[in-house]
Amino acid sequence: MRKEYYFSKTILFKPKIISFNEFDGDEKLKKYKNKIKNDEYFSNTEGYDLINIPRMYEKNNEEILEKVCIIFSKMKMKDDLIKYELGKCLECVIHKYAKTLDDINRLEEVINMTKVVNHRKEFIKNIQQKGIKQGINQGRKEGIKQGQKEGEIKLARKIAETIGIEETTKITGISKEEILNKKI
């Protein structure tokens, strides 16, 4: 019995694990400060990247954390829901790196999650209102169509009394079953 060995095609794509310490946190902070200065929107990935910057330092994490919180508070994102979720993650980072309860409270105040939460609530409320309005409009349209169809069928029944069902179906395009069905 002969055994053959071969390399899997996927063996060529081994993931490389990079720790946070291998990233340049100063470079990332500078990049994100410039985005704030230029009034640019952050992508979802950049938002995630921002909240992980304190992990890129072995020392002085609390100082870096404060800078991150200030940037986060000024950060603009197109999706408020993502910013809300990132803020919740940043709260965890604050609890990890802040040294005192006062620092935790101060930094949480800096990121102003109540403002982000209010944006999220407003966002959800708007989505719900749009859904309700769309449902109402859809119901109206369907009701109008159904009412028009019922009116056409009633008229076809009256015509059929005069000229007969066969002739009425040819003229109106309404089927014989619809004309004869009295459920409408």
N, C-alpha and C. Protein backbone atom coordinates (compact mmCIF):
# COMPACT_ATOMS: atom_id res chain seq x y z
N MET A 1 0.84 -1.16 0.00
CA MET A 1 0.00 0.00 0.00
C MET A 1 0.89 1.24 0.00
N ARG A 2 0.63 2.10 -0.94
CA ARG A 2 1.45 3.29 -1.14
C ARG A 2 0.72 4.52 -0.59
N LYS A 3 1.43 5.32 0.20
CA LYS A 3 0.84 6.54 0.74
C LYS A 3 1.47 7.73 0.03
N GLU A 4 0.63 8.68 -0.30
CA GLU A 4 1.13 9.89 -0.92
C GLU A 4 0.82 11.07 -0.01
N TYR A 5 1.79 11.93 0.14
CA TYR A 5 1.61 13.13 0.95
C TYR A 5 1.64 14.35 0.05
N TYR A 6 0.82 15.31 0.35
CA TYR A 6 0.79 16.54 -0.43
C TYR A 6 0.43 17.70 0.49
N PHE A 7 0.74 18.88 0.04
CA PHE A 7 0.42 20.08 0.80
C PHE A 7 -0.99 20.54 0.41
N SER A 8 -1.71 20.90 1.42
CA SER A 8 -3.04 21.46 1.19
C SER A 8 -2.90 22.84 0.57
N LYS A 9 -3.85 23.21 -0.27
CA LYS A 9 -3.82 24.54 -0.88
C LYS A 9 -3.93 25.63 0.19
N THR A 10 -4.60 25.31 1.27
CA THR A 10 -4.81 26.33 2.32
C THR A 10 -3.60 26.53 3.21
N ILE A 11 -2.64 25.63 3.18
CA ILE A 11 -1.46 25.77 4.03
C ILE A 11 -0.65 27.02 3.66
N LEU A 12 -0.85 27.50 2.46
CA LEU A 12 -0.13 28.69 2.01
C LEU A 12 -0.64 29.96 2.67
N PHE A 13 -1.80 29.90 3.29
CA PHE A 13 -2.43 31.09 3.85
C PHE A 13 -2.53 31.02 5.37
N LYS A 14 -1.43 30.71 6.03
CA LYS A 14 -1.43 30.67 7.48
C LYS A 14 -1.58 32.09 8.00
N PRO A 15 -2.45 32.28 8.95
CA PRO A 15 -2.61 33.64 9.48
C PRO A 15 -1.40 34.04 10.33
N LYS A 16 -1.05 35.31 10.26
CA LYS A 16 0.02 35.84 11.08
C LYS A 16 -0.65 36.62 12.20
N ILE A 17 -0.33 36.26 13.40
CA ILE A 17 -0.95 36.92 14.54
C ILE A 17 -0.03 38.06 14.97
N ILE A 18 -0.62 39.24 15.03
CA ILE A 18 0.14 40.43 15.39
C ILE A 18 -0.46 40.96 16.69
N SER A 19 0.39 41.18 17.68
CA SER A 19 -0.13 41.72 18.94
C SER A 19 -0.31 43.23 18.79
N PHE A 20 -1.10 43.80 19.67
CA PHE A 20 -1.34 45.23 19.62
C PHE A 20 -0.05 46.02 19.79
N ASN A 21 0.89 45.49 20.55
CA ASN A 21 2.15 46.20 20.80
C ASN A 21 2.98 46.39 19.53
N GLU A 22 2.71 45.63 18.50
CA GLU A 22 3.46 45.76 17.25
C GLU A 22 2.95 46.89 16.37
N PHE A 23 1.82 47.52 16.73
CA PHE A 23 1.29 48.64 15.97
C PHE A 23 1.86 49.95 16.51
N ASP A 24 1.90 50.94 15.66
CA ASP A 24 2.38 52.27 16.07
C ASP A 24 1.18 53.11 16.52
N GLY A 25 0.96 53.12 17.81
CA GLY A 25 -0.18 53.85 18.37
C GLY A 25 -0.07 55.35 18.14
N ASP A 26 1.16 55.90 18.21
CA ASP A 26 1.35 57.34 17.99
C ASP A 26 0.93 57.74 16.58
N GLU A 27 1.30 56.90 15.62
CA GLU A 27 0.94 57.18 14.22
C GLU A 27 -0.57 57.15 14.04
N LYS A 28 -1.22 56.17 14.65
CA LYS A 28 -2.68 56.07 14.54
C LYS A 28 -3.37 57.26 15.21
N LEU A 29 -2.89 57.66 16.40
CA LEU A 29 -3.46 58.83 17.07
C LEU A 29 -3.34 60.07 16.21
N LYS A 30 -2.18 60.26 15.61
CA LYS A 30 -1.95 61.42 14.74
C LYS A 30 -2.92 61.38 13.55
N LYS A 31 -3.08 60.20 12.96
CA LYS A 31 -3.99 60.04 11.81
C LYS A 31 -5.42 60.42 12.20
N TYR A 32 -5.87 59.94 13.36
CA TYR A 32 -7.25 60.19 13.76
C TYR A 32 -7.48 61.62 14.24
N LYS A 33 -6.45 62.23 14.82
CA LYS A 33 -6.55 63.66 15.18
C LYS A 33 -6.73 64.48 13.90
N ASN A 34 -6.01 64.11 12.84
CA ASN A 34 -6.13 64.82 11.56
C ASN A 34 -7.52 64.65 10.96
N LYS A 35 -8.11 63.46 11.11
CA LYS A 35 -9.47 63.24 10.60
C LYS A 35 -10.45 64.16 11.32
N ILE A 36 -10.27 64.33 12.63
CA ILE A 36 -11.13 65.23 13.40
C ILE A 36 -10.90 66.67 12.92
N LYS A 37 -9.64 67.04 12.78
CA LYS A 37 -9.29 68.40 12.36
C LYS A 37 -9.88 68.72 10.98
N ASN A 38 -9.87 67.74 10.09
CA ASN A 38 -10.39 67.92 8.72
C ASN A 38 -11.89 67.65 8.62
N ASP A 39 -12.54 67.39 9.76
CA ASP A 39 -13.98 67.14 9.81
C ASP A 39 -14.40 65.99 8.90
N GLU A 40 -13.63 64.90 8.95
CA GLU A 40 -13.90 63.72 8.11
C GLU A 40 -14.66 62.66 8.92
N TYR A 41 -15.39 61.83 8.21
CA TYR A 41 -16.09 60.72 8.83
C TYR A 41 -15.12 59.56 9.05
N PHE A 42 -15.35 58.83 10.15
CA PHE A 42 -14.57 57.63 10.43
C PHE A 42 -15.31 56.43 9.85
N SER A 43 -14.56 55.50 9.29
CA SER A 43 -15.18 54.24 8.86
C SER A 43 -15.39 53.37 10.10
N ASN A 44 -16.15 52.32 9.96
CA ASN A 44 -16.38 51.40 11.08
C ASN A 44 -15.05 50.81 11.56
N THR A 45 -14.19 50.45 10.63
CA THR A 45 -12.89 49.86 10.97
C THR A 45 -12.02 50.86 11.72
N GLU A 46 -12.03 52.11 11.27
CA GLU A 46 -11.23 53.13 11.94
C GLU A 46 -11.75 53.37 13.36
N GLY A 47 -13.06 53.33 13.55
CA GLY A 47 -13.64 53.47 14.88
C GLY A 47 -13.19 52.35 15.80
N TYR A 48 -13.20 51.14 15.28
CA TYR A 48 -12.73 49.98 16.05
C TYR A 48 -11.25 50.13 16.37
N ASP A 49 -10.49 50.56 15.38
CA ASP A 49 -9.05 50.76 15.53
C ASP A 49 -8.78 51.80 16.62
N LEU A 50 -9.55 52.88 16.63
CA LEU A 50 -9.36 53.96 17.59
C LEU A 50 -9.49 53.45 19.03
N ILE A 51 -10.54 52.68 19.30
CA ILE A 51 -10.75 52.27 20.69
C ILE A 51 -9.71 51.24 21.16
N ASN A 52 -8.95 50.66 20.24
CA ASN A 52 -7.92 49.70 20.61
C ASN A 52 -6.54 50.34 20.77
N ILE A 53 -6.41 51.61 20.49
CA ILE A 53 -5.10 52.27 20.58
C ILE A 53 -4.47 52.12 21.98
N PRO A 54 -5.22 52.25 23.09
CA PRO A 54 -4.55 52.09 24.39
C PRO A 54 -3.87 50.74 24.57
N ARG A 55 -4.32 49.74 23.89
CA ARG A 55 -3.71 48.41 23.99
C ARG A 55 -2.37 48.34 23.26
N MET A 56 -2.07 49.35 22.46
CA MET A 56 -0.83 49.36 21.68
C MET A 56 0.35 49.90 22.49
N TYR A 57 0.11 50.26 23.74
CA TYR A 57 1.15 50.82 24.60
C TYR A 57 1.36 49.93 25.81
N GLU A 58 2.61 49.80 26.20
CA GLU A 58 2.90 49.02 27.40
C GLU A 58 2.81 49.88 28.66
N LYS A 59 3.04 51.19 28.50
CA LYS A 59 3.01 52.11 29.63
C LYS A 59 2.15 53.32 29.27
N ASN A 60 1.75 54.04 30.28
CA ASN A 60 0.98 55.29 30.12
C ASN A 60 -0.34 55.08 29.37
N ASN A 61 -0.93 53.93 29.55
CA ASN A 61 -2.19 53.64 28.86
C ASN A 61 -3.28 54.64 29.24
N GLU A 62 -3.28 55.09 30.49
CA GLU A 62 -4.34 56.00 30.93
C GLU A 62 -4.22 57.36 30.23
N GLU A 63 -3.00 57.82 29.94
CA GLU A 63 -2.83 59.09 29.20
C GLU A 63 -3.32 58.93 27.76
N ILE A 64 -2.96 57.83 27.16
CA ILE A 64 -3.38 57.55 25.79
C ILE A 64 -4.89 57.39 25.75
N LEU A 65 -5.42 56.71 26.76
CA LEU A 65 -6.87 56.49 26.84
C LEU A 65 -7.61 57.82 26.85
N GLU A 66 -7.10 58.79 27.56
CA GLU A 66 -7.75 60.10 27.60
C GLU A 66 -7.77 60.72 26.21
N LYS A 67 -6.67 60.63 25.48
CA LYS A 67 -6.61 61.17 24.11
C LYS A 67 -7.62 60.46 23.22
N VAL A 68 -7.71 59.14 23.37
CA VAL A 68 -8.66 58.35 22.58
C VAL A 68 -10.10 58.77 22.89
N CYS A 69 -10.40 58.99 24.17
CA CYS A 69 -11.75 59.40 24.57
C CYS A 69 -12.11 60.76 23.97
N ILE A 70 -11.15 61.67 23.95
CA ILE A 70 -11.40 62.99 23.37
C ILE A 70 -11.67 62.88 21.87
N ILE A 71 -10.87 62.07 21.19
CA ILE A 71 -11.09 61.87 19.75
C ILE A 71 -12.45 61.21 19.52
N PHE A 72 -12.76 60.18 20.34
CA PHE A 72 -14.04 59.48 20.19
C PHE A 72 -15.22 60.44 20.33
N SER A 73 -15.11 61.36 21.29
CA SER A 73 -16.23 62.29 21.54
C SER A 73 -16.46 63.21 20.34
N LYS A 74 -15.41 63.45 19.55
CA LYS A 74 -15.53 64.34 18.39
C LYS A 74 -15.70 63.57 17.08
N MET A 75 -15.55 62.26 17.14
CA MET A 75 -15.59 61.42 15.94
C MET A 75 -16.97 61.43 15.29
N LYS A 76 -16.99 61.57 13.97
CA LYS A 76 -18.24 61.51 13.21
C LYS A 76 -18.28 60.19 12.45
N MET A 77 -19.43 59.52 12.56
CA MET A 77 -19.63 58.28 11.81
C MET A 77 -20.97 58.36 11.12
N LYS A 78 -21.09 57.72 9.99
CA LYS A 78 -22.35 57.74 9.25
C LYS A 78 -23.40 56.85 9.93
N ASP A 79 -22.95 55.85 10.66
CA ASP A 79 -23.87 54.93 11.32
C ASP A 79 -23.78 55.12 12.83
N ASP A 80 -24.78 55.81 13.41
CA ASP A 80 -24.79 56.08 14.84
C ASP A 80 -24.87 54.79 15.66
N LEU A 81 -25.47 53.77 15.10
CA LEU A 81 -25.59 52.51 15.81
C LEU A 81 -24.21 51.90 16.05
N ILE A 82 -23.33 51.99 15.06
CA ILE A 82 -21.96 51.47 15.20
C ILE A 82 -21.22 52.30 16.25
N LYS A 83 -21.38 53.62 16.20
CA LYS A 83 -20.69 54.47 17.19
C LYS A 83 -21.17 54.11 18.59
N TYR A 84 -22.44 53.84 18.74
CA TYR A 84 -22.97 53.43 20.04
C TYR A 84 -22.28 52.15 20.51
N GLU A 85 -22.20 51.16 19.65
CA GLU A 85 -21.56 49.89 20.01
C GLU A 85 -20.08 50.09 20.33
N LEU A 86 -19.39 50.94 19.55
CA LEU A 86 -17.99 51.23 19.82
C LEU A 86 -17.84 51.94 21.17
N GLY A 87 -18.78 52.82 21.48
CA GLY A 87 -18.75 53.51 22.76
C GLY A 87 -18.88 52.54 23.92
N LYS A 88 -19.74 51.55 23.76
CA LYS A 88 -19.88 50.53 24.80
C LYS A 88 -18.56 49.76 24.97
N CYS A 89 -17.89 49.47 23.86
CA CYS A 89 -16.58 48.80 23.93
C CYS A 89 -15.56 49.71 24.60
N LEU A 90 -15.58 50.99 24.25
CA LEU A 90 -14.64 51.94 24.84
C LEU A 90 -14.87 52.06 26.34
N GLU A 91 -16.10 51.93 26.79
CA GLU A 91 -16.36 51.93 28.23
C GLU A 91 -15.62 50.77 28.91
N CYS A 92 -15.56 49.63 28.25
CA CYS A 92 -14.81 48.48 28.80
C CYS A 92 -13.32 48.79 28.86
N VAL A 93 -12.79 49.43 27.82
CA VAL A 93 -11.38 49.80 27.79
C VAL A 93 -11.10 50.81 28.91
N ILE A 94 -12.02 51.74 29.12
CA ILE A 94 -11.88 52.72 30.20
C ILE A 94 -11.78 52.00 31.55
N HIS A 95 -12.65 51.02 31.76
CA HIS A 95 -12.63 50.29 33.02
C HIS A 95 -11.34 49.48 33.18
N LYS A 96 -10.74 49.09 32.09
CA LYS A 96 -9.49 48.33 32.19
C LYS A 96 -8.31 49.23 32.53
N TYR A 97 -8.22 50.39 31.90
CA TYR A 97 -7.01 51.20 32.02
C TYR A 97 -7.12 52.38 32.98
N ALA A 98 -8.30 52.85 33.31
CA ALA A 98 -8.42 53.97 34.25
C ALA A 98 -8.03 53.48 35.64
N LYS A 99 -7.33 54.35 36.38
CA LYS A 99 -6.79 53.90 37.66
C LYS A 99 -7.76 54.06 38.83
N THR A 100 -8.61 55.06 38.76
CA THR A 100 -9.52 55.30 39.90
C THR A 100 -10.96 55.41 39.39
N LEU A 101 -11.88 55.35 40.32
CA LEU A 101 -13.29 55.50 39.99
C LEU A 101 -13.56 56.90 39.44
N ASP A 102 -12.86 57.89 40.00
CA ASP A 102 -13.00 59.26 39.48
C ASP A 102 -12.57 59.35 38.02
N ASP A 103 -11.45 58.64 37.69
CA ASP A 103 -10.99 58.64 36.29
C ASP A 103 -12.02 57.98 35.38
N ILE A 104 -12.60 56.89 35.85
CA ILE A 104 -13.63 56.19 35.06
C ILE A 104 -14.79 57.13 34.79
N ASN A 105 -15.28 57.78 35.83
CA ASN A 105 -16.41 58.70 35.67
C ASN A 105 -16.07 59.86 34.75
N ARG A 106 -14.87 60.41 34.92
CA ARG A 106 -14.45 61.55 34.09
C ARG A 106 -14.35 61.15 32.62
N LEU A 107 -13.74 60.00 32.35
CA LEU A 107 -13.57 59.56 30.95
C LEU A 107 -14.90 59.17 30.32
N GLU A 108 -15.77 58.56 31.10
CA GLU A 108 -17.10 58.23 30.57
C GLU A 108 -17.87 59.50 30.25
N GLU A 109 -17.63 60.53 31.03
CA GLU A 109 -18.26 61.82 30.75
C GLU A 109 -17.67 62.43 29.47
N VAL A 110 -16.37 62.22 29.26
CA VAL A 110 -15.71 62.74 28.04
C VAL A 110 -16.31 62.11 26.80
N ILE A 111 -16.52 60.79 26.82
CA ILE A 111 -17.07 60.16 25.61
C ILE A 111 -18.55 60.41 25.46
N ASN A 112 -19.18 60.92 26.53
CA ASN A 112 -20.56 61.38 26.47
C ASN A 112 -21.50 60.34 25.86
N MET A 113 -21.56 59.18 26.48
CA MET A 113 -22.40 58.10 25.96
C MET A 113 -23.88 58.46 26.00
N THR A 114 -24.29 59.37 26.90
CA THR A 114 -25.71 59.73 26.91
C THR A 114 -26.09 60.37 25.59
N LYS A 115 -25.18 61.16 25.02
CA LYS A 115 -25.44 61.77 23.72
C LYS A 115 -25.53 60.69 22.64
N VAL A 116 -24.60 59.73 22.69
CA VAL A 116 -24.60 58.64 21.70
C VAL A 116 -25.85 57.78 21.86
N VAL A 117 -26.24 57.51 23.12
CA VAL A 117 -27.45 56.71 23.38
C VAL A 117 -28.68 57.44 22.84
N ASN A 118 -28.75 58.77 23.06
CA ASN A 118 -29.88 59.54 22.55
C ASN A 118 -29.92 59.50 21.03
N HIS A 119 -28.74 59.58 20.38
CA HIS A 119 -28.69 59.46 18.91
C HIS A 119 -29.22 58.10 18.49
N ARG A 120 -28.82 57.06 19.22
CA ARG A 120 -29.25 55.70 18.89
C ARG A 120 -30.77 55.57 19.03
N LYS A 121 -31.30 56.11 20.14
CA LYS A 121 -32.75 56.04 20.36
C LYS A 121 -33.50 56.78 19.26
N GLU A 122 -32.99 57.95 18.90
CA GLU A 122 -33.61 58.75 17.83
C GLU A 122 -33.55 58.00 16.50
N PHE A 123 -32.39 57.36 16.24
CA PHE A 123 -32.19 56.57 15.02
C PHE A 123 -33.21 55.44 14.95
N ILE A 124 -33.36 54.69 16.05
CA ILE A 124 -34.30 53.57 16.09
C ILE A 124 -35.73 54.08 15.95
N LYS A 125 -36.04 55.17 16.62
CA LYS A 125 -37.38 55.76 16.54
C LYS A 125 -37.70 56.15 15.10
N ASN A 126 -36.73 56.77 14.41
CA ASN A 126 -36.94 57.15 13.01
C ASN A 126 -37.18 55.93 12.12
N ILE A 127 -36.42 54.87 12.36
CA ILE A 127 -36.59 53.64 11.57
C ILE A 127 -37.99 53.06 11.82
N GLN A 128 -38.40 53.04 13.07
CA GLN A 128 -39.73 52.51 13.40
C GLN A 128 -40.82 53.35 12.76
N GLN A 129 -40.69 54.67 12.83
CA GLN A 129 -41.69 55.55 12.23
C GLN A 129 -41.75 55.37 10.72
N LYS A 130 -40.57 55.23 10.09
CA LYS A 130 -40.56 54.99 8.65
C LYS A 130 -41.27 53.69 8.32
N GLY A 131 -41.00 52.66 9.13
CA GLY A 131 -41.64 51.36 8.91
C GLY A 131 -43.15 51.44 9.05
N ILE A 132 -43.61 52.17 10.05
CA ILE A 132 -45.05 52.34 10.27
C ILE A 132 -45.66 53.10 9.11
N LYS A 133 -45.01 54.20 8.70
CA LYS A 133 -45.53 54.99 7.58
C LYS A 133 -45.56 54.16 6.30
N GLN A 134 -44.50 53.38 6.07
CA GLN A 134 -44.48 52.54 4.87
C GLN A 134 -45.60 51.51 4.93
N GLY A 135 -45.83 50.93 6.11
CA GLY A 135 -46.90 49.95 6.26
C GLY A 135 -48.27 50.56 6.01
N ILE A 136 -48.48 51.76 6.54
CA ILE A 136 -49.76 52.45 6.32
C ILE A 136 -49.95 52.76 4.84
N ASN A 137 -48.91 53.29 4.21
CA ASN A 137 -49.00 53.61 2.78
C ASN A 137 -49.25 52.36 1.94
N GLN A 138 -48.55 51.28 2.29
CA GLN A 138 -48.73 50.02 1.56
C GLN A 138 -50.16 49.52 1.75
N GLY A 139 -50.68 49.60 2.98
CA GLY A 139 -52.06 49.19 3.25
C GLY A 139 -53.06 50.02 2.47
N ARG A 140 -52.83 51.32 2.42
CA ARG A 140 -53.72 52.20 1.64
C ARG A 140 -53.73 51.79 0.18
N LYS A 141 -52.53 51.61 -0.37
CA LYS A 141 -52.44 51.25 -1.80
C LYS A 141 -53.17 49.94 -2.07
N GLU A 142 -52.94 48.95 -1.20
CA GLU A 142 -53.60 47.66 -1.38
C GLU A 142 -55.11 47.79 -1.22
N GLY A 143 -55.53 48.61 -0.26
CA GLY A 143 -56.97 48.83 -0.04
C GLY A 143 -57.61 49.50 -1.24
N ILE A 144 -56.93 50.49 -1.78
CA ILE A 144 -57.45 51.18 -2.98
C ILE A 144 -57.57 50.21 -4.14
N LYS A 145 -56.51 49.39 -4.35
CA LYS A 145 -56.55 48.42 -5.44
C LYS A 145 -57.69 47.43 -5.25
N GLN A 146 -57.84 46.96 -4.01
CA GLN A 146 -58.89 45.98 -3.73
C GLN A 146 -60.26 46.63 -3.93
N GLY A 147 -60.43 47.86 -3.48
CA GLY A 147 -61.70 48.57 -3.65
C GLY A 147 -62.03 48.78 -5.12
N GLN A 148 -61.00 49.14 -5.90
CA GLN A 148 -61.22 49.33 -7.34
C GLN A 148 -61.63 48.01 -7.99
N LYS A 149 -60.96 46.93 -7.60
CA LYS A 149 -61.27 45.62 -8.17
C LYS A 149 -62.71 45.22 -7.82
N GLU A 150 -63.10 45.45 -6.57
CA GLU A 150 -64.47 45.12 -6.14
C GLU A 150 -65.49 45.94 -6.93
N GLY A 151 -65.18 47.21 -7.12
CA GLY A 151 -66.08 48.07 -7.90
C GLY A 151 -66.21 47.59 -9.33
N GLU A 152 -65.10 47.18 -9.92
CA GLU A 152 -65.12 46.67 -11.29
C GLU A 152 -65.98 45.41 -11.39
N ILE A 153 -65.81 44.53 -10.39
CA ILE A 153 -66.58 43.28 -10.40
C ILE A 153 -68.07 43.55 -10.24
N LYS A 154 -68.44 44.47 -9.34
CA LYS A 154 -69.86 44.82 -9.17
C LYS A 154 -70.45 45.38 -10.45
N LEU A 155 -69.69 46.23 -11.11
CA LEU A 155 -70.15 46.80 -12.38
C LEU A 155 -70.29 45.69 -13.43
N ALA A 156 -69.32 44.77 -13.45
CA ALA A 156 -69.38 43.66 -14.41
C ALA A 156 -70.61 42.79 -14.16
N ARG A 157 -71.01 42.60 -12.92
CA ARG A 157 -72.21 41.82 -12.61
C ARG A 157 -73.46 42.50 -13.17
N LYS A 158 -73.52 43.81 -13.05
CA LYS A 158 -74.69 44.54 -13.57
C LYS A 158 -74.72 44.46 -15.10
N ILE A 159 -73.55 44.58 -15.71
CA ILE A 159 -73.48 44.47 -17.17
C ILE A 159 -73.88 43.07 -17.61
N ALA A 160 -73.43 42.05 -16.85
CA ALA A 160 -73.72 40.66 -17.20
C ALA A 160 -75.22 40.38 -17.15
N GLU A 161 -75.94 41.07 -16.29
CA GLU A 161 -77.40 40.89 -16.23
C GLU A 161 -78.05 41.33 -17.54
N THR A 162 -77.44 42.28 -18.21
CA THR A 162 -78.01 42.81 -19.44
C THR A 162 -77.51 42.05 -20.66
N ILE A 163 -76.17 41.89 -20.79
CA ILE A 163 -75.63 41.31 -22.03
C ILE A 163 -75.10 39.89 -21.87
N GLY A 164 -75.11 39.33 -20.66
CA GLY A 164 -74.65 37.97 -20.44
C GLY A 164 -73.20 37.91 -19.96
N ILE A 165 -72.87 36.80 -19.28
CA ILE A 165 -71.55 36.64 -18.67
C ILE A 165 -70.46 36.51 -19.71
N GLU A 166 -70.70 35.72 -20.76
CA GLU A 166 -69.67 35.49 -21.78
C GLU A 166 -69.24 36.81 -22.43
N GLU A 167 -70.19 37.61 -22.81
CA GLU A 167 -69.90 38.89 -23.46
C GLU A 167 -69.21 39.84 -22.47
N THR A 168 -69.65 39.82 -21.21
CA THR A 168 -69.07 40.69 -20.19
C THR A 168 -67.61 40.34 -19.94
N THR A 169 -67.28 39.05 -19.89
CA THR A 169 -65.87 38.65 -19.67
C THR A 169 -65.00 39.11 -20.82
N LYS A 170 -65.51 39.08 -22.04
CA LYS A 170 -64.74 39.55 -23.19
C LYS A 170 -64.48 41.06 -23.10
N ILE A 171 -65.48 41.82 -22.71
CA ILE A 171 -65.38 43.29 -22.68
C ILE A 171 -64.53 43.76 -21.48
N THR A 172 -64.78 43.19 -20.30
CA THR A 172 -64.13 43.71 -19.07
C THR A 172 -62.81 43.04 -18.74
N GLY A 173 -62.62 41.81 -19.22
CA GLY A 173 -61.41 41.07 -18.85
C GLY A 173 -61.52 40.41 -17.49
N ILE A 174 -62.68 40.53 -16.86
CA ILE A 174 -62.90 39.91 -15.55
C ILE A 174 -63.39 38.50 -15.79
N SER A 175 -62.84 37.56 -15.01
CA SER A 175 -63.17 36.15 -15.24
C SER A 175 -64.60 35.82 -14.83
N LYS A 176 -65.07 34.74 -15.38
CA LYS A 176 -66.43 34.25 -15.12
C LYS A 176 -66.58 33.93 -13.62
N GLU A 177 -65.54 33.33 -13.02
CA GLU A 177 -65.57 32.96 -11.60
C GLU A 177 -65.71 34.20 -10.71
N GLU A 178 -64.99 35.28 -11.07
CA GLU A 178 -65.07 36.50 -10.27
C GLU A 178 -66.47 37.12 -10.35
N ILE A 179 -67.06 37.07 -11.52
CA ILE A 179 -68.40 37.65 -11.69
C ILE A 179 -69.43 36.83 -10.91
N LEU A 180 -69.31 35.51 -10.94
CA LEU A 180 -70.28 34.64 -10.28
C LEU A 180 -70.07 34.53 -8.76
N ASN A 181 -68.84 34.79 -8.29
CA ASN A 181 -68.53 34.67 -6.86
C ASN A 181 -69.16 35.85 -6.11
N LYS A 182 -70.02 35.56 -5.16
CA LYS A 182 -70.76 36.61 -4.45
C LYS A 182 -70.07 37.03 -3.14
N LYS A 183 -68.84 36.60 -2.89
CA LYS A 183 -68.15 36.90 -1.62
C LYS A 183 -67.65 38.34 -1.53
N ILE A 184 -67.62 39.06 -2.61
CA ILE A 184 -67.07 40.42 -2.59
C ILE A 184 -67.98 41.39 -1.95
